[in-house]
Amino acid sequence: MKEQDRHQSQSINNKSLSHKMEKKMLEKVVEELCKKNNNVIQVIQEEKEYHSFPSRDAIKDIIEGLRSVLFPGYYGTSELTLDTLRFYVGSTLDSIIRLLKDQIKRGLCFICTDHPVIDRCQECEEQALSITNSFLERLPYIRQLLMTDIKATFEGDPAATSTYETIFCYPGILAITSYRLAHELYLLGVPLIPRIITEQAHSLTGIDIHPGAAIGESFFMDHGTGIVIGETCIIGKNVRIYQGVTLGAKSFNLDDEGKPIKGIDRHPIVEENVIIYSGATILGRVVIGRDSIVGGNVWLTHSIPPGSRITQVEAREEMFQKGGGI
């Protein structure tokens, strides 16, 4: 028994020593992560000490709520009737508005240098309320645009059995919905939040659309995975693009310090009724003329006139008889 007690006591001592070592290591790691010379911590402590950052989770809930308002019955609760629809839309919007105004205020305060304490920034509070109301008024217009996208998706894909299927199932509709909501907030001058919205959709669908891009009605992304649409892209009406298409920048103008100059037009302009097939890469501030077709895997860095047909060099098969051609 004494030998057993000795082993138990040694085991307890070893566990205690191990716990102390783990605690000491933990304290060291915490200290290193929280040092003031850490760039991330320095931003929080010195520049944004009293600011509350926008919440990704709250923004996700807002977008899900807005989808359920734009497409009631498809998102959110499916148990809706004509008698309950108005109440559902009204109550959902009421809760969304409060959440959205708070997140917009957080975004505005994040870039506000005049008022370091979020609760005292009356200007940001008033601006957030004004932006929220303006955004709310734009929801019917956003839904109108989305209906043209849904129609274009149904008509453009022979595999689609109904418009209902495209709303329920197609990643392109999910991505374009997030983009159109984010784009309106972007136009209203909301920082951070539009980009969070489109990046969340990017994570879900593999479709990367910058909220600053201008996209016309009846836009259809077939399959969608790997599509990239840059910040200053302008896309006209009735454009169809396939998976893996990149509408990007060819190069970046640099300032005197060698850093990229922000805000310049550097992405393509795609005019009306254009089709761009899978894997095509179009770079720079070039113009793809209306009614053009850009074939798969084409690399394009110059403008093309309306009605163009751009394809890869075709592989040719030739019959060699009696050594001909060798």
C-alpha atoms as a PDB file:
ATOM      1  CA  MET A   1       0.000   0.000   0.000  1.00  0.00           C
ATOM      2  CA  LYS A   2       2.837   2.363   0.862  1.00  0.00           C
ATOM      3  CA  GLU A   3       4.437   1.769  -2.546  1.00  0.00           C
ATOM      4  CA  GLN A   4       1.114   2.451  -4.237  1.00  0.00           C
ATOM      5  CA  ASP A   5       0.654   5.677  -2.244  1.00  0.00           C
ATOM      6  CA  ARG A   6       4.131   6.788  -3.251  1.00  0.00           C
ATOM      7  CA  HIS A   7       3.351   6.263  -6.935  1.00  0.00           C
ATOM      8  CA  GLN A   8       0.053   8.149  -6.614  1.00  0.00           C
ATOM      9  CA  SER A   9       1.777  11.049  -4.861  1.00  0.00           C
ATOM     10  CA  GLN A  10       4.463  11.191  -7.566  1.00  0.00           C
ATOM     11  CA  SER A  11       1.796  11.137 -10.267  1.00  0.00           C
ATOM     12  CA  ILE A  12      -0.019  14.066  -8.620  1.00  0.00           C
ATOM     13  CA  ASN A  13       3.220  16.024  -8.340  1.00  0.00           C
ATOM     14  CA  ASN A  14       4.025  15.369 -12.011  1.00  0.00           C
ATOM     15  CA  LYS A  15       0.579  16.577 -13.062  1.00  0.00           C
ATOM     16  CA  SER A  16       0.953  19.698 -10.923  1.00  0.00           C
ATOM     17  CA  LEU A  17       4.373  20.431 -12.445  1.00  0.00           C
ATOM     18  CA  SER A  18       3.024  19.850 -15.932  1.00  0.00           C
ATOM     19  CA  HIS A  19       0.103  22.202 -15.248  1.00  0.00           C
ATOM     20  CA  LYS A  20       2.468  24.920 -13.998  1.00  0.00           C
ATOM     21  CA  MET A  21       4.623  24.551 -17.100  1.00  0.00           C
ATOM     22  CA  GLU A  22       1.593  24.754 -19.382  1.00  0.00           C
ATOM     23  CA  LYS A  23       0.339  27.830 -17.534  1.00  0.00           C
ATOM     24  CA  LYS A  24       3.731  29.508 -17.794  1.00  0.00           C
ATOM     25  CA  MET A  25       3.929  28.734 -21.521  1.00  0.00           C
ATOM     26  CA  LEU A  26       0.385  30.029 -22.019  1.00  0.00           C
ATOM     27  CA  GLU A  27       1.205  33.282 -20.210  1.00  0.00           C
ATOM     28  CA  LYS A  28       4.277  33.722 -22.423  1.00  0.00           C
ATOM     29  CA  VAL A  29       2.306  33.161 -25.641  1.00  0.00           C
ATOM     30  CA  VAL A  30      -0.460  35.550 -24.507  1.00  0.00           C
ATOM     31  CA  GLU A  31       2.148  38.201 -23.700  1.00  0.00           C
ATOM     32  CA  GLU A  32       3.780  37.827 -27.116  1.00  0.00           C
ATOM     33  CA  LEU A  33       0.442  38.027 -28.941  1.00  0.00           C
ATOM     34  CA  CYS A  34      -0.604  41.148 -27.022  1.00  0.00           C
ATOM     35  CA  LYS A  35       2.621  43.127 -27.299  1.00  0.00           C
ATOM     36  CA  LYS A  36       2.110  46.746 -28.290  1.00  0.00           C
ATOM     37  CA  ASN A  37       4.614  46.461 -31.110  1.00  0.00           C
ATOM     38  CA  ASN A  38       2.283  43.981 -32.799  1.00  0.00           C
ATOM     39  CA  ASN A  39       0.868  45.842 -35.804  1.00  0.00           C
ATOM     40  CA  VAL A  40      -2.648  44.463 -35.425  1.00  0.00           C
ATOM     41  CA  ILE A  41      -2.820  45.164 -31.699  1.00  0.00           C
ATOM     42  CA  GLN A  42      -1.340  48.616 -32.229  1.00  0.00           C
ATOM     43  CA  VAL A  43      -4.183  49.522 -34.594  1.00  0.00           C
ATOM     44  CA  ILE A  44      -6.747  48.448 -32.010  1.00  0.00           C
ATOM     45  CA  GLN A  45      -5.046  50.077 -29.031  1.00  0.00           C
ATOM     46  CA  GLU A  46      -3.867  53.342 -30.550  1.00  0.00           C
ATOM     47  CA  GLU A  47      -6.255  54.120 -33.407  1.00  0.00           C
ATOM     48  CA  LYS A  48      -9.495  52.268 -32.678  1.00  0.00           C
ATOM     49  CA  GLU A  49      -9.295  51.823 -28.942  1.00  0.00           C
ATOM     50  CA  TYR A  50     -12.945  52.527 -28.253  1.00  0.00           C
ATOM     51  CA  HIS A  51     -14.490  51.414 -31.519  1.00  0.00           C
ATOM     52  CA  SER A  52     -16.576  48.298 -32.010  1.00  0.00           C
ATOM     53  CA  PHE A  53     -15.778  46.555 -35.274  1.00  0.00           C
ATOM     54  CA  PRO A  54     -18.529  45.353 -37.628  1.00  0.00           C
ATOM     55  CA  SER A  55     -19.634  41.809 -36.831  1.00  0.00           C
ATOM     56  CA  ARG A  56     -19.350  39.196 -39.577  1.00  0.00           C
ATOM     57  CA  ASP A  57     -21.992  37.070 -37.871  1.00  0.00           C
ATOM     58  CA  ALA A  58     -24.423  39.983 -37.649  1.00  0.00           C
ATOM     59  CA  ILE A  59     -23.843  40.861 -41.317  1.00  0.00           C
ATOM     60  CA  LYS A  60     -24.466  37.245 -42.292  1.00  0.00           C
ATOM     61  CA  ASP A  61     -27.784  37.333 -40.396  1.00  0.00           C
ATOM     62  CA  ILE A  62     -28.720  40.614 -42.108  1.00  0.00           C
ATOM     63  CA  ILE A  63     -28.115  39.198 -45.582  1.00  0.00           C
ATOM     64  CA  GLU A  64     -30.046  36.026 -44.808  1.00  0.00           C
ATOM     65  CA  GLY A  65     -32.913  38.175 -43.541  1.00  0.00           C
ATOM     66  CA  LEU A  66     -32.820  40.363 -46.645  1.00  0.00           C
ATOM     67  CA  ARG A  67     -32.892  37.271 -48.880  1.00  0.00           C
ATOM     68  CA  SER A  68     -35.992  36.075 -47.056  1.00  0.00           C
ATOM     69  CA  VAL A  69     -37.628  39.456 -47.677  1.00  0.00           C
ATOM     70  CA  LEU A  70     -36.649  39.610 -51.341  1.00  0.00           C
ATOM     71  CA  PHE A  71     -37.670  35.973 -51.920  1.00  0.00           C
ATOM     72  CA  PRO A  72     -40.195  35.165 -49.182  1.00  0.00           C
ATOM     73  CA  GLY A  73     -40.828  31.460 -48.839  1.00  0.00           C
ATOM     74  CA  TYR A  74     -37.575  30.547 -50.609  1.00  0.00           C
ATOM     75  CA  TYR A  75     -35.339  31.696 -47.759  1.00  0.00           C
ATOM     76  CA  GLY A  76     -36.285  31.846 -44.088  1.00  0.00           C
ATOM     77  CA  THR A  77     -39.616  30.318 -43.188  1.00  0.00           C
ATOM     78  CA  SER A  78     -41.406  28.471 -45.969  1.00  0.00           C
ATOM     79  CA  GLU A  79     -44.752  28.379 -44.159  1.00  0.00           C
ATOM     80  CA  LEU A  80     -46.173  31.566 -45.649  1.00  0.00           C
ATOM     81  CA  THR A  81     -49.609  32.431 -46.993  1.00  0.00           C
ATOM     82  CA  LEU A  82     -51.014  35.580 -48.569  1.00  0.00           C
ATOM     83  CA  ASP A  83     -52.484  36.426 -45.163  1.00  0.00           C
ATOM     84  CA  THR A  84     -49.179  36.105 -43.293  1.00  0.00           C
ATOM     85  CA  LEU A  85     -46.830  37.442 -46.000  1.00  0.00           C
ATOM     86  CA  ARG A  86     -47.225  41.144 -45.199  1.00  0.00           C
ATOM     87  CA  PHE A  87     -46.706  40.592 -41.481  1.00  0.00           C
ATOM     88  CA  TYR A  88     -43.658  38.399 -42.086  1.00  0.00           C
ATOM     89  CA  VAL A  89     -41.990  40.863 -44.453  1.00  0.00           C
ATOM     90  CA  GLY A  90     -42.741  43.809 -42.163  1.00  0.00           C
ATOM     91  CA  SER A  91     -41.517  42.170 -38.965  1.00  0.00           C
ATOM     92  CA  THR A  92     -38.396  40.790 -40.645  1.00  0.00           C
ATOM     93  CA  LEU A  93     -37.511  44.183 -42.104  1.00  0.00           C
ATOM     94  CA  ASP A  94     -38.100  45.841 -38.739  1.00  0.00           C
ATOM     95  CA  SER A  95     -35.489  43.650 -37.068  1.00  0.00           C
ATOM     96  CA  ILE A  96     -33.096  43.884 -40.019  1.00  0.00           C
ATOM     97  CA  ILE A  97     -33.180  47.681 -40.002  1.00  0.00           C
ATOM     98  CA  ARG A  98     -32.007  47.878 -36.405  1.00  0.00           C
ATOM     99  CA  LEU A  99     -29.196  45.400 -37.003  1.00  0.00           C
ATOM    100  CA  LEU A 100     -28.148  47.070 -40.244  1.00  0.00           C
ATOM    101  CA  LYS A 101     -28.082  50.571 -38.774  1.00  0.00           C
ATOM    102  CA  ASP A 102     -25.843  49.361 -35.957  1.00  0.00           C
ATOM    103  CA  GLN A 103     -23.428  47.640 -38.348  1.00  0.00           C
ATOM    104  CA  ILE A 104     -23.315  50.649 -40.665  1.00  0.00           C
ATOM    105  CA  LYS A 105     -22.560  52.863 -37.684  1.00  0.00           C
ATOM    106  CA  ARG A 106     -19.726  50.549 -36.673  1.00  0.00           C
ATOM    107  CA  GLY A 107     -18.329  50.713 -40.188  1.00  0.00           C
ATOM    108  CA  LEU A 108     -18.533  54.493 -40.259  1.00  0.00           C
ATOM    109  CA  CYS A 109     -16.955  54.825 -36.818  1.00  0.00           C
ATOM    110  CA  PHE A 110     -14.163  52.512 -37.899  1.00  0.00           C
ATOM    111  CA  ILE A 111     -12.919  55.109 -40.383  1.00  0.00           C
ATOM    112  CA  CYS A 112     -13.984  58.140 -38.326  1.00  0.00           C
ATOM    113  CA  THR A 113     -11.033  60.114 -36.953  1.00  0.00           C
ATOM    114  CA  ASP A 114     -12.984  62.954 -35.362  1.00  0.00           C
ATOM    115  CA  HIS A 115     -14.680  61.000 -32.590  1.00  0.00           C
ATOM    116  CA  PRO A 116     -12.584  58.232 -31.007  1.00  0.00           C
ATOM    117  CA  VAL A 117     -15.390  57.001 -28.755  1.00  0.00           C
ATOM    118  CA  ILE A 118     -18.179  55.220 -30.653  1.00  0.00           C
ATOM    119  CA  ASP A 119     -20.973  56.160 -28.227  1.00  0.00           C
ATOM    120  CA  ARG A 120     -20.204  59.862 -28.587  1.00  0.00           C
ATOM    121  CA  CYS A 121     -20.104  59.990 -32.381  1.00  0.00           C
ATOM    122  CA  GLN A 122     -23.460  61.600 -33.101  1.00  0.00           C
ATOM    123  CA  GLU A 123     -22.493  62.354 -36.686  1.00  0.00           C
ATOM    124  CA  CYS A 124     -21.912  58.646 -37.419  1.00  0.00           C
ATOM    125  CA  GLU A 125     -25.210  57.811 -35.726  1.00  0.00           C
ATOM    126  CA  GLU A 126     -27.149  60.234 -37.900  1.00  0.00           C
ATOM    127  CA  GLN A 127     -25.333  59.179 -41.057  1.00  0.00           C
ATOM    128  CA  ALA A 128     -26.015  55.501 -40.338  1.00  0.00           C
ATOM    129  CA  LEU A 129     -29.735  56.220 -39.942  1.00  0.00           C
ATOM    130  CA  SER A 130     -29.843  58.164 -43.206  1.00  0.00           C
ATOM    131  CA  ILE A 131     -27.977  55.436 -45.118  1.00  0.00           C
ATOM    132  CA  THR A 132     -30.179  52.700 -43.683  1.00  0.00           C
ATOM    133  CA  ASN A 133     -33.340  54.521 -44.772  1.00  0.00           C
ATOM    134  CA  SER A 134     -31.936  55.147 -48.248  1.00  0.00           C
ATOM    135  CA  PHE A 135     -30.964  51.493 -48.572  1.00  0.00           C
ATOM    136  CA  LEU A 136     -34.403  50.387 -47.438  1.00  0.00           C
ATOM    137  CA  GLU A 137     -36.016  52.475 -50.176  1.00  0.00           C
ATOM    138  CA  ARG A 138     -33.803  50.726 -52.762  1.00  0.00           C
ATOM    139  CA  LEU A 139     -34.955  47.198 -51.902  1.00  0.00           C
ATOM    140  CA  PRO A 140     -37.826  47.101 -54.448  1.00  0.00           C
ATOM    141  CA  TYR A 141     -35.395  48.202 -57.173  1.00  0.00           C
ATOM    142  CA  ILE A 142     -32.878  45.548 -56.102  1.00  0.00           C
ATOM    143  CA  ARG A 143     -35.575  42.886 -56.257  1.00  0.00           C
ATOM    144  CA  GLN A 144     -36.568  44.112 -59.729  1.00  0.00           C
ATOM    145  CA  LEU A 145     -32.966  43.695 -60.928  1.00  0.00           C
ATOM    146  CA  LEU A 146     -32.718  40.257 -59.366  1.00  0.00           C
ATOM    147  CA  MET A 147     -35.851  39.115 -61.143  1.00  0.00           C
ATOM    148  CA  THR A 148     -34.171  39.923 -64.468  1.00  0.00           C
ATOM    149  CA  ASP A 149     -31.138  37.892 -63.362  1.00  0.00           C
ATOM    150  CA  ILE A 150     -33.375  34.964 -62.441  1.00  0.00           C
ATOM    151  CA  LYS A 151     -35.164  35.122 -65.789  1.00  0.00           C
ATOM    152  CA  ALA A 152     -31.832  35.264 -67.649  1.00  0.00           C
ATOM    153  CA  THR A 153     -30.565  32.272 -65.676  1.00  0.00           C
ATOM    154  CA  PHE A 154     -33.648  30.199 -66.425  1.00  0.00           C
ATOM    155  CA  GLU A 155     -33.656  31.088 -70.117  1.00  0.00           C
ATOM    156  CA  GLY A 156     -29.898  30.679 -70.477  1.00  0.00           C
ATOM    157  CA  ASP A 157     -29.569  27.236 -68.922  1.00  0.00           C
ATOM    158  CA  PRO A 158     -31.440  24.339 -70.566  1.00  0.00           C
ATOM    159  CA  ALA A 159     -30.865  22.290 -67.403  1.00  0.00           C
ATOM    160  CA  ALA A 160     -32.997  24.682 -65.343  1.00  0.00           C
ATOM    161  CA  THR A 161     -36.505  23.258 -64.975  1.00  0.00           C
ATOM    162  CA  SER A 162     -38.039  26.403 -63.460  1.00  0.00           C
ATOM    163  CA  THR A 163     -37.236  29.841 -62.106  1.00  0.00           C
ATOM    164  CA  TYR A 164     -37.937  28.384 -58.653  1.00  0.00           C
ATOM    165  CA  GLU A 165     -35.064  25.958 -59.105  1.00  0.00           C
ATOM    166  CA  THR A 166     -32.641  28.761 -59.964  1.00  0.00           C
ATOM    167  CA  ILE A 167     -33.577  30.660 -56.787  1.00  0.00           C
ATOM    168  CA  PHE A 168     -33.332  27.588 -54.574  1.00  0.00           C
ATOM    169  CA  CYS A 169     -30.258  25.941 -56.040  1.00  0.00           C
ATOM    170  CA  TYR A 170     -28.059  28.104 -58.252  1.00  0.00           C
ATOM    171  CA  PRO A 171     -24.892  29.595 -56.695  1.00  0.00           C
ATOM    172  CA  GLY A 172     -24.945  32.357 -59.304  1.00  0.00           C
ATOM    173  CA  ILE A 173     -28.245  33.655 -57.932  1.00  0.00           C
ATOM    174  CA  LEU A 174     -26.927  33.572 -54.385  1.00  0.00           C
ATOM    175  CA  ALA A 175     -23.769  35.440 -55.428  1.00  0.00           C
ATOM    176  CA  ILE A 176     -25.551  38.071 -57.526  1.00  0.00           C
ATOM    177  CA  THR A 177     -28.059  38.678 -54.715  1.00  0.00           C
ATOM    178  CA  SER A 178     -25.250  39.357 -52.251  1.00  0.00           C
ATOM    179  CA  TYR A 179     -23.502  41.537 -54.822  1.00  0.00           C
ATOM    180  CA  ARG A 180     -26.564  43.666 -55.607  1.00  0.00           C
ATOM    181  CA  LEU A 181     -27.225  44.283 -51.908  1.00  0.00           C
ATOM    182  CA  ALA A 182     -23.559  45.055 -51.268  1.00  0.00           C
ATOM    183  CA  HIS A 183     -23.328  47.313 -54.330  1.00  0.00           C
ATOM    184  CA  GLU A 184     -26.118  49.586 -53.071  1.00  0.00           C
ATOM    185  CA  LEU A 185     -24.365  49.928 -49.717  1.00  0.00           C
ATOM    186  CA  TYR A 186     -21.117  50.613 -51.579  1.00  0.00           C
ATOM    187  CA  LEU A 187     -22.783  53.395 -53.574  1.00  0.00           C
ATOM    188  CA  LEU A 188     -24.098  54.859 -50.311  1.00  0.00           C
ATOM    189  CA  GLY A 189     -20.558  55.140 -49.002  1.00  0.00           C
ATOM    190  CA  VAL A 190     -20.635  52.369 -46.410  1.00  0.00           C
ATOM    191  CA  PRO A 191     -17.104  51.155 -45.589  1.00  0.00           C
ATOM    192  CA  LEU A 192     -16.084  47.522 -44.962  1.00  0.00           C
ATOM    193  CA  ILE A 193     -19.561  45.987 -44.875  1.00  0.00           C
ATOM    194  CA  PRO A 194     -20.097  45.664 -48.662  1.00  0.00           C
ATOM    195  CA  ARG A 195     -16.809  43.797 -48.975  1.00  0.00           C
ATOM    196  CA  ILE A 196     -17.683  41.518 -46.058  1.00  0.00           C
ATOM    197  CA  ILE A 197     -20.973  40.664 -47.778  1.00  0.00           C
ATOM    198  CA  THR A 198     -19.418  39.738 -51.125  1.00  0.00           C
ATOM    199  CA  GLU A 199     -16.561  37.822 -49.511  1.00  0.00           C
ATOM    200  CA  GLN A 200     -19.047  35.746 -47.544  1.00  0.00           C
ATOM    201  CA  ALA A 201     -20.769  34.907 -50.829  1.00  0.00           C
ATOM    202  CA  HIS A 202     -17.363  34.203 -52.347  1.00  0.00           C
ATOM    203  CA  SER A 203     -16.686  31.649 -49.613  1.00  0.00           C
ATOM    204  CA  LEU A 204     -20.025  29.940 -50.234  1.00  0.00           C
ATOM    205  CA  THR A 205     -20.045  29.917 -54.045  1.00  0.00           C
ATOM    206  CA  GLY A 206     -16.496  30.396 -55.333  1.00  0.00           C
ATOM    207  CA  ILE A 207     -17.708  33.509 -57.177  1.00  0.00           C
ATOM    208  CA  ASP A 208     -15.719  36.660 -56.395  1.00  0.00           C
ATOM    209  CA  ILE A 209     -17.502  39.918 -57.290  1.00  0.00           C
ATOM    210  CA  HIS A 210     -16.195  43.194 -55.908  1.00  0.00           C
ATOM    211  CA  PRO A 211     -19.082  45.351 -54.620  1.00  0.00           C
ATOM    212  CA  GLY A 212     -17.761  48.306 -56.601  1.00  0.00           C
ATOM    213  CA  ALA A 213     -18.336  46.644 -59.979  1.00  0.00           C
ATOM    214  CA  ALA A 214     -21.298  47.978 -62.009  1.00  0.00           C
ATOM    215  CA  ILE A 215     -23.406  45.135 -63.419  1.00  0.00           C
ATOM    216  CA  GLY A 216     -26.476  45.675 -65.591  1.00  0.00           C
ATOM    217  CA  GLU A 217     -29.713  43.729 -65.544  1.00  0.00           C
ATOM    218  CA  SER A 218     -30.254  40.175 -66.847  1.00  0.00           C
ATOM    219  CA  PHE A 219     -26.819  38.968 -65.752  1.00  0.00           C
ATOM    220  CA  PHE A 220     -26.215  35.223 -65.873  1.00  0.00           C
ATOM    221  CA  MET A 221     -23.258  33.291 -64.440  1.00  0.00           C
ATOM    222  CA  ASP A 222     -23.432  29.678 -65.611  1.00  0.00           C
ATOM    223  CA  HIS A 223     -21.934  27.228 -63.086  1.00  0.00           C
ATOM    224  CA  GLY A 224     -20.027  30.168 -61.627  1.00  0.00           C
ATOM    225  CA  THR A 225     -17.108  28.590 -59.795  1.00  0.00           C
ATOM    226  CA  GLY A 226     -13.920  30.622 -60.161  1.00  0.00           C
ATOM    227  CA  ILE A 227     -15.485  33.745 -61.674  1.00  0.00           C
ATOM    228  CA  VAL A 228     -13.640  36.945 -60.683  1.00  0.00           C
ATOM    229  CA  ILE A 229     -15.071  40.412 -61.371  1.00  0.00           C
ATOM    230  CA  GLY A 230     -12.889  43.344 -60.346  1.00  0.00           C
ATOM    231  CA  GLU A 231     -13.764  46.582 -58.585  1.00  0.00           C
ATOM    232  CA  THR A 232     -13.977  48.911 -61.590  1.00  0.00           C
ATOM    233  CA  CYS A 233     -15.625  46.510 -64.050  1.00  0.00           C
ATOM    234  CA  ILE A 234     -18.609  47.796 -65.978  1.00  0.00           C
ATOM    235  CA  ILE A 235     -20.916  45.111 -67.354  1.00  0.00           C
ATOM    236  CA  GLY A 236     -23.877  45.926 -69.583  1.00  0.00           C
ATOM    237  CA  LYS A 237     -27.276  44.295 -69.892  1.00  0.00           C
ATOM    238  CA  ASN A 238     -27.846  40.693 -70.894  1.00  0.00           C
ATOM    239  CA  VAL A 239     -24.291  39.438 -70.359  1.00  0.00           C
ATOM    240  CA  ARG A 240     -23.531  35.765 -69.801  1.00  0.00           C
ATOM    241  CA  ILE A 241     -20.267  34.454 -68.385  1.00  0.00           C
ATOM    242  CA  TYR A 242     -19.182  30.929 -67.538  1.00  0.00           C
ATOM    243  CA  GLN A 243     -17.065  29.353 -64.832  1.00  0.00           C
ATOM    244  CA  GLY A 244     -13.447  30.379 -64.432  1.00  0.00           C
ATOM    245  CA  VAL A 245     -13.775  33.744 -66.192  1.00  0.00           C
ATOM    246  CA  THR A 246     -11.547  36.534 -64.895  1.00  0.00           C
ATOM    247  CA  LEU A 247     -12.313  40.202 -65.517  1.00  0.00           C
ATOM    248  CA  GLY A 248      -9.223  41.623 -63.883  1.00  0.00           C
ATOM    249  CA  ALA A 249      -6.502  44.245 -63.950  1.00  0.00           C
ATOM    250  CA  LYS A 250      -3.504  43.892 -66.227  1.00  0.00           C
ATOM    251  CA  SER A 251      -1.145  45.994 -64.137  1.00  0.00           C
ATOM    252  CA  PHE A 252      -1.102  48.564 -61.352  1.00  0.00           C
ATOM    253  CA  ASN A 253       0.087  52.147 -61.564  1.00  0.00           C
ATOM    254  CA  LEU A 254       2.486  52.871 -58.714  1.00  0.00           C
ATOM    255  CA  ASP A 255       3.026  56.067 -56.742  1.00  0.00           C
ATOM    256  CA  ASP A 256       6.388  57.621 -55.870  1.00  0.00           C
ATOM    257  CA  GLU A 257       6.811  55.147 -53.011  1.00  0.00           C
ATOM    258  CA  GLY A 258       6.186  52.168 -55.267  1.00  0.00           C
ATOM    259  CA  LYS A 259       2.737  51.432 -53.854  1.00  0.00           C
ATOM    260  CA  PRO A 260      -0.342  50.741 -56.039  1.00  0.00           C
ATOM    261  CA  ILE A 261      -2.490  53.804 -56.742  1.00  0.00           C
ATOM    262  CA  LYS A 262      -6.011  53.162 -55.511  1.00  0.00           C
ATOM    263  CA  GLY A 263      -9.297  53.956 -57.203  1.00  0.00           C
ATOM    264  CA  ILE A 264      -8.233  54.119 -60.849  1.00  0.00           C
ATOM    265  CA  ASP A 265     -10.202  52.388 -63.629  1.00  0.00           C
ATOM    266  CA  ARG A 266      -8.255  49.203 -64.333  1.00  0.00           C
ATOM    267  CA  HIS A 267     -10.822  46.509 -65.163  1.00  0.00           C
ATOM    268  CA  PRO A 268     -12.704  45.652 -68.378  1.00  0.00           C
ATOM    269  CA  ILE A 269     -15.863  47.195 -69.767  1.00  0.00           C
ATOM    270  CA  VAL A 270     -18.193  44.526 -71.142  1.00  0.00           C
ATOM    271  CA  GLU A 271     -20.977  45.921 -73.305  1.00  0.00           C
ATOM    272  CA  GLU A 272     -24.474  44.507 -73.815  1.00  0.00           C
ATOM    273  CA  ASN A 273     -25.308  41.001 -75.089  1.00  0.00           C
ATOM    274  CA  VAL A 274     -21.804  39.587 -74.636  1.00  0.00           C
ATOM    275  CA  ILE A 275     -21.025  35.921 -73.937  1.00  0.00           C
ATOM    276  CA  ILE A 276     -17.710  34.962 -72.313  1.00  0.00           C
ATOM    277  CA  TYR A 277     -16.999  31.248 -72.152  1.00  0.00           C
ATOM    278  CA  SER A 278     -15.232  29.287 -69.420  1.00  0.00           C
ATOM    279  CA  GLY A 279     -11.642  29.993 -68.520  1.00  0.00           C
ATOM    280  CA  ALA A 280     -11.374  33.251 -70.479  1.00  0.00           C
ATOM    281  CA  THR A 281      -9.151  35.931 -68.958  1.00  0.00           C
ATOM    282  CA  ILE A 282      -9.733  39.578 -69.872  1.00  0.00           C
ATOM    283  CA  LEU A 283      -7.365  42.087 -68.288  1.00  0.00           C
ATOM    284  CA  GLY A 284      -7.060  45.859 -68.167  1.00  0.00           C
ATOM    285  CA  ARG A 285      -9.335  48.751 -69.082  1.00  0.00           C
ATOM    286  CA  VAL A 286     -10.364  47.218 -72.381  1.00  0.00           C
ATOM    287  CA  VAL A 287     -13.767  47.287 -74.040  1.00  0.00           C
ATOM    288  CA  ILE A 288     -15.548  44.134 -75.163  1.00  0.00           C
ATOM    289  CA  GLY A 289     -17.937  45.423 -77.808  1.00  0.00           C
ATOM    290  CA  ARG A 290     -21.629  44.569 -77.677  1.00  0.00           C
ATOM    291  CA  ASP A 291     -22.879  41.307 -79.210  1.00  0.00           C
ATOM    292  CA  SER A 292     -19.386  39.783 -79.028  1.00  0.00           C
ATOM    293  CA  ILE A 293     -18.471  36.224 -78.093  1.00  0.00           C
ATOM    294  CA  VAL A 294     -15.210  35.421 -76.297  1.00  0.00           C
ATOM    295  CA  GLY A 295     -14.301  31.741 -76.478  1.00  0.00           C
ATOM    296  CA  GLY A 296     -13.024  29.482 -73.716  1.00  0.00           C
ATOM    297  CA  ASN A 297      -9.483  29.893 -72.351  1.00  0.00           C
ATOM    298  CA  VAL A 298      -8.873  33.044 -74.395  1.00  0.00           C
ATOM    299  CA  TRP A 299      -6.345  35.522 -72.964  1.00  0.00           C
ATOM    300  CA  LEU A 300      -7.373  39.046 -73.969  1.00  0.00           C
ATOM    301  CA  THR A 301      -5.628  42.318 -73.132  1.00  0.00           C
ATOM    302  CA  HIS A 302      -6.924  44.572 -75.920  1.00  0.00           C
ATOM    303  CA  SER A 303     -10.324  45.969 -76.874  1.00  0.00           C
ATOM    304  CA  ILE A 304     -12.480  44.267 -79.490  1.00  0.00           C
ATOM    305  CA  PRO A 305     -15.200  45.895 -81.634  1.00  0.00           C
ATOM    306  CA  PRO A 306     -18.919  45.032 -81.473  1.00  0.00           C
ATOM    307  CA  GLY A 307     -19.896  41.690 -82.965  1.00  0.00           C
ATOM    308  CA  SER A 308     -16.448  40.125 -82.562  1.00  0.00           C
ATOM    309  CA  ARG A 309     -15.815  36.381 -82.312  1.00  0.00           C
ATOM    310  CA  ILE A 310     -12.612  35.654 -80.411  1.00  0.00           C
ATOM    311  CA  THR A 311     -11.412  32.048 -80.101  1.00  0.00           C
ATOM    312  CA  GLN A 312      -8.228  30.093 -79.596  1.00  0.00           C
ATOM    313  CA  VAL A 313      -6.211  29.057 -82.598  1.00  0.00           C
ATOM    314  CA  GLU A 314      -7.932  25.874 -83.694  1.00  0.00           C
ATOM    315  CA  ALA A 315      -6.038  22.604 -83.801  1.00  0.00           C
ATOM    316  CA  ARG A 316      -5.815  21.420 -87.415  1.00  0.00           C
ATOM    317  CA  GLU A 317      -5.861  17.837 -88.635  1.00  0.00           C
ATOM    318  CA  GLU A 318      -4.061  17.165 -91.898  1.00  0.00           C
ATOM    319  CA  MET A 319      -3.743  13.933 -93.857  1.00  0.00           C
ATOM    320  CA  PHE A 320      -0.229  13.208 -95.012  1.00  0.00           C
ATOM    321  CA  GLN A 321      -0.102  10.985 -98.054  1.00  0.00           C
ATOM    322  CA  LYS A 322       3.170   9.497 -99.272  1.00  0.00           C
ATOM    323  CA  GLY A 323       5.142  11.654 -96.915  1.00  0.00           C
ATOM    324  CA  GLY A 324       3.467  14.878 -97.999  1.00  0.00           C
ATOM    325  CA  GLY A 325       4.005  17.709 -95.590  1.00  0.00           C
ATOM    326  CA  ILE A 326       6.951  16.073 -93.881  1.00  0.00           C
END
